Amino acid sequence: MNHGAGQVSMPRFLHVGSGRYRKHQTIRAFQGPEWEEISLDIDKSVKPDIVDKLPELAKVESDSFDAVYSSHSIEHLYPHEVPVALSAFHRVLKSNGVAIIRCPDLQTIGQALARGEIDTPLYVSGMGPVSALDMLYGFRPSMANGNLYMAHHTGFTAKTLGDACAASKFRSVYCLRMKETRELWCIATKAALAQEKLEQLAKFCIRPV
């Protein structure tokens, strides 16, 4: 957003697959008034700023955002769509941009399945208890209510998500497994960063509200 001649533009982040969540429900890194959120979702009923969908992000201009925030969106894609989506994240970011990606941790799901805990709640989300079955195939209560956008078609471990980001031309990637929420957090930067700088950025970004 340009505030006039001689003034610095506000940094913007693209909130991909926002649903009904908005800036104050994302991460602490975006809580400051200096950040402008542009929400994007396929579902018109949640009233996003942009009605569009992964994987192409066809309505989003290239090199137009400082950050992309994608929380539990990429697991809804089919496997062959994932490289297209990650390339779209890379495309819409400015040269020093960062993508922040959250999704279920398949390694955690596998451990729960090995214990026979397919339907045992692993944690409680804002929408209710979540089991390995929900993490693997999609949150069942939402789908039962008619929201089939919640179905999952693929999944990741920290390694496969990191490898996918690297293959999509992100030059520095940092993935972390979150034990409490059984999810992956991935920080991927368009520019190459030294390991120390990458870890500092990750610590700043991996701070949920």
C-alpha atoms as a PDB file:
ATOM      1  CA  MET A   1       0.000   0.000   0.000  1.00  0.00           C
ATOM      2  CA  ASN A   2       1.440   3.325  -1.061  1.00  0.00           C
ATOM      3  CA  HIS A   3       0.807   6.132   1.408  1.00  0.00           C
ATOM      4  CA  GLY A   4       1.932   8.938  -0.834  1.00  0.00           C
ATOM      5  CA  ALA A   5       5.119  10.487  -2.155  1.00  0.00           C
ATOM      6  CA  GLY A   6       8.092  10.195   0.142  1.00  0.00           C
ATOM      7  CA  GLN A   7       6.459   7.566   2.364  1.00  0.00           C
ATOM      8  CA  VAL A   8       7.501   3.925   2.672  1.00  0.00           C
ATOM      9  CA  SER A   9       5.024   1.287   1.540  1.00  0.00           C
ATOM     10  CA  MET A  10       3.540  -0.974   4.184  1.00  0.00           C
ATOM     11  CA  PRO A  11       4.853  -4.556   3.996  1.00  0.00           C
ATOM     12  CA  ARG A  12       2.156  -6.951   2.834  1.00  0.00           C
ATOM     13  CA  PHE A  13       1.542 -10.626   3.439  1.00  0.00           C
ATOM     14  CA  LEU A  14      -0.704 -12.869   1.391  1.00  0.00           C
ATOM     15  CA  HIS A  15      -2.836 -15.058   3.657  1.00  0.00           C
ATOM     16  CA  VAL A  16      -3.442 -18.122   1.479  1.00  0.00           C
ATOM     17  CA  GLY A  17      -6.441 -20.273   2.367  1.00  0.00           C
ATOM     18  CA  SER A  18      -7.420 -17.822   5.075  1.00  0.00           C
ATOM     19  CA  GLY A  19     -10.897 -19.197   5.740  1.00  0.00           C
ATOM     20  CA  ARG A  20     -12.501 -17.029   8.407  1.00  0.00           C
ATOM     21  CA  TYR A  21      -9.167 -16.349  10.107  1.00  0.00           C
ATOM     22  CA  ARG A  22      -7.563 -12.947   9.822  1.00  0.00           C
ATOM     23  CA  LYS A  23      -4.306 -11.220  10.717  1.00  0.00           C
ATOM     24  CA  HIS A  24      -4.798 -11.256  14.497  1.00  0.00           C
ATOM     25  CA  GLN A  25      -5.255 -15.048  14.349  1.00  0.00           C
ATOM     26  CA  THR A  26      -2.108 -15.864  12.371  1.00  0.00           C
ATOM     27  CA  ILE A  27       1.332 -15.415  13.983  1.00  0.00           C
ATOM     28  CA  ARG A  28       2.899 -12.786  16.215  1.00  0.00           C
ATOM     29  CA  ALA A  29       5.253 -11.696  13.448  1.00  0.00           C
ATOM     30  CA  PHE A  30       2.287 -10.151  11.625  1.00  0.00           C
ATOM     31  CA  GLN A  31       0.613  -8.555  14.646  1.00  0.00           C
ATOM     32  CA  GLY A  32       2.203  -5.125  14.261  1.00  0.00           C
ATOM     33  CA  PRO A  33       0.244  -2.327  12.589  1.00  0.00           C
ATOM     34  CA  GLU A  34       2.948  -2.027   9.940  1.00  0.00           C
ATOM     35  CA  TRP A  35       1.817  -5.259   8.247  1.00  0.00           C
ATOM     36  CA  GLU A  36      -1.040  -5.282   5.744  1.00  0.00           C
ATOM     37  CA  GLU A  37      -2.905  -8.556   5.264  1.00  0.00           C
ATOM     38  CA  ILE A  38      -4.447  -9.606   1.947  1.00  0.00           C
ATOM     39  CA  SER A  39      -6.634 -12.669   2.490  1.00  0.00           C
ATOM     40  CA  LEU A  40      -7.194 -15.236  -0.269  1.00  0.00           C
ATOM     41  CA  ASP A  41      -9.575 -18.168  -0.292  1.00  0.00           C
ATOM     42  CA  ILE A  42     -11.573 -20.267  -2.743  1.00  0.00           C
ATOM     43  CA  ASP A  43     -14.681 -19.978  -0.544  1.00  0.00           C
ATOM     44  CA  LYS A  44     -16.597 -16.752  -1.231  1.00  0.00           C
ATOM     45  CA  SER A  45     -18.606 -17.151   1.964  1.00  0.00           C
ATOM     46  CA  VAL A  46     -15.595 -16.313   4.160  1.00  0.00           C
ATOM     47  CA  LYS A  47     -15.284 -12.943   2.382  1.00  0.00           C
ATOM     48  CA  PRO A  48     -11.575 -12.936   1.447  1.00  0.00           C
ATOM     49  CA  ASP A  49      -9.943  -9.955  -0.243  1.00  0.00           C
ATOM     50  CA  ILE A  50      -9.179 -12.196  -3.239  1.00  0.00           C
ATOM     51  CA  VAL A  51     -11.326 -15.134  -4.319  1.00  0.00           C
ATOM     52  CA  ASP A  52      -8.785 -17.462  -5.876  1.00  0.00           C
ATOM     53  CA  LYS A  53      -7.327 -20.898  -5.319  1.00  0.00           C
ATOM     54  CA  LEU A  54      -4.195 -22.925  -5.199  1.00  0.00           C
ATOM     55  CA  PRO A  55      -2.198 -24.133  -6.926  1.00  0.00           C
ATOM     56  CA  GLU A  56      -1.761 -21.332  -9.481  1.00  0.00           C
ATOM     57  CA  LEU A  57      -2.775 -18.171  -7.534  1.00  0.00           C
ATOM     58  CA  ALA A  58      -3.713 -16.876 -10.970  1.00  0.00           C
ATOM     59  CA  LYS A  59      -5.153 -13.579  -9.698  1.00  0.00           C
ATOM     60  CA  VAL A  60      -2.039 -12.600  -7.729  1.00  0.00           C
ATOM     61  CA  GLU A  61       0.661 -10.481  -9.337  1.00  0.00           C
ATOM     62  CA  SER A  62       4.265 -11.638  -9.377  1.00  0.00           C
ATOM     63  CA  ASP A  63       6.787 -10.021  -6.996  1.00  0.00           C
ATOM     64  CA  SER A  64       3.997  -8.291  -5.080  1.00  0.00           C
ATOM     65  CA  PHE A  65       4.250  -9.567  -1.485  1.00  0.00           C
ATOM     66  CA  ASP A  66       6.823  -9.491   1.284  1.00  0.00           C
ATOM     67  CA  ALA A  67       5.491 -12.700   2.808  1.00  0.00           C
ATOM     68  CA  VAL A  68       3.142 -15.574   2.082  1.00  0.00           C
ATOM     69  CA  TYR A  69       1.385 -17.260   4.999  1.00  0.00           C
ATOM     70  CA  SER A  70      -0.199 -20.634   4.296  1.00  0.00           C
ATOM     71  CA  SER A  71      -1.690 -22.446   7.276  1.00  0.00           C
ATOM     72  CA  HIS A  72      -3.079 -25.903   6.559  1.00  0.00           C
ATOM     73  CA  SER A  73      -3.704 -25.307   2.861  1.00  0.00           C
ATOM     74  CA  ILE A  74      -1.202 -27.365   0.897  1.00  0.00           C
ATOM     75  CA  GLU A  75      -2.401 -30.716   2.293  1.00  0.00           C
ATOM     76  CA  HIS A  76      -5.701 -30.071   0.492  1.00  0.00           C
ATOM     77  CA  LEU A  77      -3.908 -30.250  -2.863  1.00  0.00           C
ATOM     78  CA  TYR A  78      -3.255 -33.343  -4.925  1.00  0.00           C
ATOM     79  CA  PRO A  79       0.421 -34.371  -4.959  1.00  0.00           C
ATOM     80  CA  HIS A  80       1.034 -33.193  -8.527  1.00  0.00           C
ATOM     81  CA  GLU A  81      -0.312 -29.748  -7.598  1.00  0.00           C
ATOM     82  CA  VAL A  82       2.152 -29.140  -4.756  1.00  0.00           C
ATOM     83  CA  PRO A  83       5.119 -28.062  -6.943  1.00  0.00           C
ATOM     84  CA  VAL A  84       2.791 -25.698  -8.822  1.00  0.00           C
ATOM     85  CA  ALA A  85       1.581 -24.144  -5.558  1.00  0.00           C
ATOM     86  CA  LEU A  86       5.061 -23.725  -4.090  1.00  0.00           C
ATOM     87  CA  SER A  87       6.262 -22.190  -7.350  1.00  0.00           C
ATOM     88  CA  ALA A  88       3.304 -19.802  -7.130  1.00  0.00           C
ATOM     89  CA  PHE A  89       4.351 -18.827  -3.583  1.00  0.00           C
ATOM     90  CA  HIS A  90       7.855 -18.151  -4.934  1.00  0.00           C
ATOM     91  CA  ARG A  91       6.494 -16.179  -7.883  1.00  0.00           C
ATOM     92  CA  VAL A  92       4.323 -13.767  -5.882  1.00  0.00           C
ATOM     93  CA  LEU A  93       7.084 -12.965  -3.377  1.00  0.00           C
ATOM     94  CA  LYS A  94       9.465 -10.058  -3.711  1.00  0.00           C
ATOM     95  CA  SER A  95      13.176 -10.824  -3.992  1.00  0.00           C
ATOM     96  CA  ASN A  96      13.667 -10.850  -0.214  1.00  0.00           C
ATOM     97  CA  GLY A  97      10.299 -12.472   0.549  1.00  0.00           C
ATOM     98  CA  VAL A  98       9.550 -15.356   2.888  1.00  0.00           C
ATOM     99  CA  ALA A  99       6.941 -18.111   2.795  1.00  0.00           C
ATOM    100  CA  ILE A 100       5.614 -19.489   6.075  1.00  0.00           C
ATOM    101  CA  ILE A 101       3.901 -22.841   5.642  1.00  0.00           C
ATOM    102  CA  ARG A 102       2.056 -24.903   8.250  1.00  0.00           C
ATOM    103  CA  CYS A 103       0.597 -28.373   7.700  1.00  0.00           C
ATOM    104  CA  PRO A 104       0.056 -31.695   9.512  1.00  0.00           C
ATOM    105  CA  ASP A 105       3.129 -33.736  10.380  1.00  0.00           C
ATOM    106  CA  LEU A 106       2.780 -37.154   8.727  1.00  0.00           C
ATOM    107  CA  GLN A 107       5.515 -38.569  10.940  1.00  0.00           C
ATOM    108  CA  THR A 108       3.369 -37.860  14.002  1.00  0.00           C
ATOM    109  CA  ILE A 109       0.365 -39.413  12.274  1.00  0.00           C
ATOM    110  CA  GLY A 110       2.399 -42.525  11.458  1.00  0.00           C
ATOM    111  CA  GLN A 111       3.493 -42.875  15.080  1.00  0.00           C
ATOM    112  CA  ALA A 112      -0.116 -42.614  16.270  1.00  0.00           C
ATOM    113  CA  LEU A 113      -1.261 -45.192  13.704  1.00  0.00           C
ATOM    114  CA  ALA A 114       1.501 -47.571  14.781  1.00  0.00           C
ATOM    115  CA  ARG A 115       0.073 -47.389  18.311  1.00  0.00           C
ATOM    116  CA  GLY A 116      -3.407 -48.145  16.983  1.00  0.00           C
ATOM    117  CA  GLU A 117      -4.616 -44.647  17.914  1.00  0.00           C
ATOM    118  CA  ILE A 118      -6.365 -43.830  14.653  1.00  0.00           C
ATOM    119  CA  ASP A 119      -9.385 -42.154  16.249  1.00  0.00           C
ATOM    120  CA  THR A 120      -7.917 -41.005  19.570  1.00  0.00           C
ATOM    121  CA  PRO A 121      -7.744 -37.191  19.901  1.00  0.00           C
ATOM    122  CA  LEU A 122      -4.112 -36.104  19.650  1.00  0.00           C
ATOM    123  CA  TYR A 123      -4.777 -32.461  20.477  1.00  0.00           C
ATOM    124  CA  VAL A 124      -7.640 -30.006  20.750  1.00  0.00           C
ATOM    125  CA  SER A 125      -7.891 -27.287  18.106  1.00  0.00           C
ATOM    126  CA  GLY A 126     -10.106 -24.223  18.100  1.00  0.00           C
ATOM    127  CA  MET A 127     -12.608 -26.331  16.152  1.00  0.00           C
ATOM    128  CA  GLY A 128     -12.488 -29.311  18.513  1.00  0.00           C
ATOM    129  CA  PRO A 129     -10.520 -32.547  19.109  1.00  0.00           C
ATOM    130  CA  VAL A 130      -8.286 -33.693  16.247  1.00  0.00           C
ATOM    131  CA  SER A 131      -7.326 -37.334  15.689  1.00  0.00           C
ATOM    132  CA  ALA A 132      -4.809 -39.003  13.383  1.00  0.00           C
ATOM    133  CA  LEU A 133      -7.710 -39.805  11.050  1.00  0.00           C
ATOM    134  CA  ASP A 134      -8.637 -36.107  10.854  1.00  0.00           C
ATOM    135  CA  MET A 135      -5.021 -35.136  10.207  1.00  0.00           C
ATOM    136  CA  LEU A 136      -4.676 -37.741   7.496  1.00  0.00           C
ATOM    137  CA  TYR A 137      -7.913 -37.268   5.546  1.00  0.00           C
ATOM    138  CA  GLY A 138      -9.386 -33.962   6.722  1.00  0.00           C
ATOM    139  CA  PHE A 139     -11.345 -32.652   9.692  1.00  0.00           C
ATOM    140  CA  ARG A 140     -14.438 -34.850   9.733  1.00  0.00           C
ATOM    141  CA  PRO A 141     -16.890 -32.508  11.517  1.00  0.00           C
ATOM    142  CA  SER A 142     -16.331 -29.794   8.901  1.00  0.00           C
ATOM    143  CA  MET A 143     -16.739 -32.235   6.031  1.00  0.00           C
ATOM    144  CA  ALA A 144     -19.875 -33.681   7.644  1.00  0.00           C
ATOM    145  CA  ASN A 145     -21.295 -30.157   7.632  1.00  0.00           C
ATOM    146  CA  GLY A 146     -20.749 -29.940   3.881  1.00  0.00           C
ATOM    147  CA  ASN A 147     -17.336 -28.253   3.693  1.00  0.00           C
ATOM    148  CA  LEU A 148     -15.556 -30.733   1.433  1.00  0.00           C
ATOM    149  CA  TYR A 149     -12.792 -28.173   0.844  1.00  0.00           C
ATOM    150  CA  MET A 150     -11.430 -29.595   4.121  1.00  0.00           C
ATOM    151  CA  ALA A 151     -10.539 -32.961   2.548  1.00  0.00           C
ATOM    152  CA  HIS A 152      -6.818 -33.785   2.469  1.00  0.00           C
ATOM    153  CA  HIS A 153      -5.171 -35.239  -0.634  1.00  0.00           C
ATOM    154  CA  THR A 154      -1.487 -35.263   0.292  1.00  0.00           C
ATOM    155  CA  GLY A 155       0.871 -34.901   3.239  1.00  0.00           C
ATOM    156  CA  PHE A 156       4.429 -34.190   4.315  1.00  0.00           C
ATOM    157  CA  THR A 157       7.229 -34.933   6.712  1.00  0.00           C
ATOM    158  CA  ALA A 158       9.731 -32.226   7.583  1.00  0.00           C
ATOM    159  CA  LYS A 159      12.129 -33.640   4.991  1.00  0.00           C
ATOM    160  CA  THR A 160       9.659 -33.940   2.122  1.00  0.00           C
ATOM    161  CA  LEU A 161       8.246 -30.457   2.709  1.00  0.00           C
ATOM    162  CA  GLY A 162      11.734 -28.967   2.868  1.00  0.00           C
ATOM    163  CA  ASP A 163      12.779 -30.822  -0.270  1.00  0.00           C
ATOM    164  CA  ALA A 164       9.643 -29.639  -2.100  1.00  0.00           C
ATOM    165  CA  CYS A 165      10.377 -26.013  -1.211  1.00  0.00           C
ATOM    166  CA  ALA A 166      13.989 -26.340  -2.341  1.00  0.00           C
ATOM    167  CA  ALA A 167      12.856 -27.885  -5.608  1.00  0.00           C
ATOM    168  CA  SER A 168      10.606 -24.856  -6.143  1.00  0.00           C
ATOM    169  CA  LYS A 169      13.652 -22.531  -6.098  1.00  0.00           C
ATOM    170  CA  PHE A 170      13.469 -21.348  -2.489  1.00  0.00           C
ATOM    171  CA  ARG A 171      17.118 -20.864  -1.633  1.00  0.00           C
ATOM    172  CA  SER A 172      16.948 -21.302   2.145  1.00  0.00           C
ATOM    173  CA  VAL A 173      14.528 -23.593   3.970  1.00  0.00           C
ATOM    174  CA  TYR A 174      14.001 -24.353   7.649  1.00  0.00           C
ATOM    175  CA  CYS A 175      11.432 -26.924   8.848  1.00  0.00           C
ATOM    176  CA  LEU A 176      10.456 -27.662  12.418  1.00  0.00           C
ATOM    177  CA  ARG A 177       8.170 -30.304  13.958  1.00  0.00           C
ATOM    178  CA  MET A 178       5.800 -28.869  16.571  1.00  0.00           C
ATOM    179  CA  LYS A 179       5.032 -31.486  19.209  1.00  0.00           C
ATOM    180  CA  GLU A 180       2.015 -29.825  20.819  1.00  0.00           C
ATOM    181  CA  THR A 181       0.006 -29.313  17.638  1.00  0.00           C
ATOM    182  CA  ARG A 182       1.477 -32.247  15.661  1.00  0.00           C
ATOM    183  CA  GLU A 183       2.207 -29.967  12.733  1.00  0.00           C
ATOM    184  CA  LEU A 184       5.099 -28.828  10.585  1.00  0.00           C
ATOM    185  CA  TRP A 185       6.279 -25.237  10.305  1.00  0.00           C
ATOM    186  CA  CYS A 186       8.395 -24.397   7.288  1.00  0.00           C
ATOM    187  CA  ILE A 187      10.184 -21.105   6.606  1.00  0.00           C
ATOM    188  CA  ALA A 188      11.325 -20.736   2.989  1.00  0.00           C
ATOM    189  CA  THR A 189      13.117 -17.662   1.677  1.00  0.00           C
ATOM    190  CA  LYS A 190      13.517 -16.472  -1.877  1.00  0.00           C
ATOM    191  CA  ALA A 191      17.013 -15.142  -1.156  1.00  0.00           C
ATOM    192  CA  ALA A 192      19.824 -17.239   0.309  1.00  0.00           C
ATOM    193  CA  LEU A 193      20.390 -16.701   4.031  1.00  0.00           C
ATOM    194  CA  ALA A 194      23.227 -17.781   6.280  1.00  0.00           C
ATOM    195  CA  GLN A 195      22.155 -20.559   8.667  1.00  0.00           C
ATOM    196  CA  GLU A 196      22.295 -18.251  11.687  1.00  0.00           C
ATOM    197  CA  LYS A 197      20.087 -15.648   9.979  1.00  0.00           C
ATOM    198  CA  LEU A 198      17.674 -18.358   8.827  1.00  0.00           C
ATOM    199  CA  GLU A 199      17.341 -19.720  12.362  1.00  0.00           C
ATOM    200  CA  GLN A 200      16.775 -16.215  13.735  1.00  0.00           C
ATOM    201  CA  LEU A 201      14.045 -15.631  11.152  1.00  0.00           C
ATOM    202  CA  ALA A 202      12.455 -18.973  11.996  1.00  0.00           C
ATOM    203  CA  LYS A 203      12.388 -18.177  15.715  1.00  0.00           C
ATOM    204  CA  PHE A 204      10.728 -14.861  14.928  1.00  0.00           C
ATOM    205  CA  CYS A 205       8.139 -16.371  12.583  1.00  0.00           C
ATOM    206  CA  ILE A 206       7.353 -19.622  14.394  1.00  0.00           C
ATOM    207  CA  ARG A 207       5.341 -17.946  17.108  1.00  0.00           C
ATOM    208  CA  PRO A 208       1.618 -18.634  16.844  1.00  0.00           C
ATOM    209  CA  VAL A 209      -0.876 -16.240  18.389  1.00  0.00           C
END
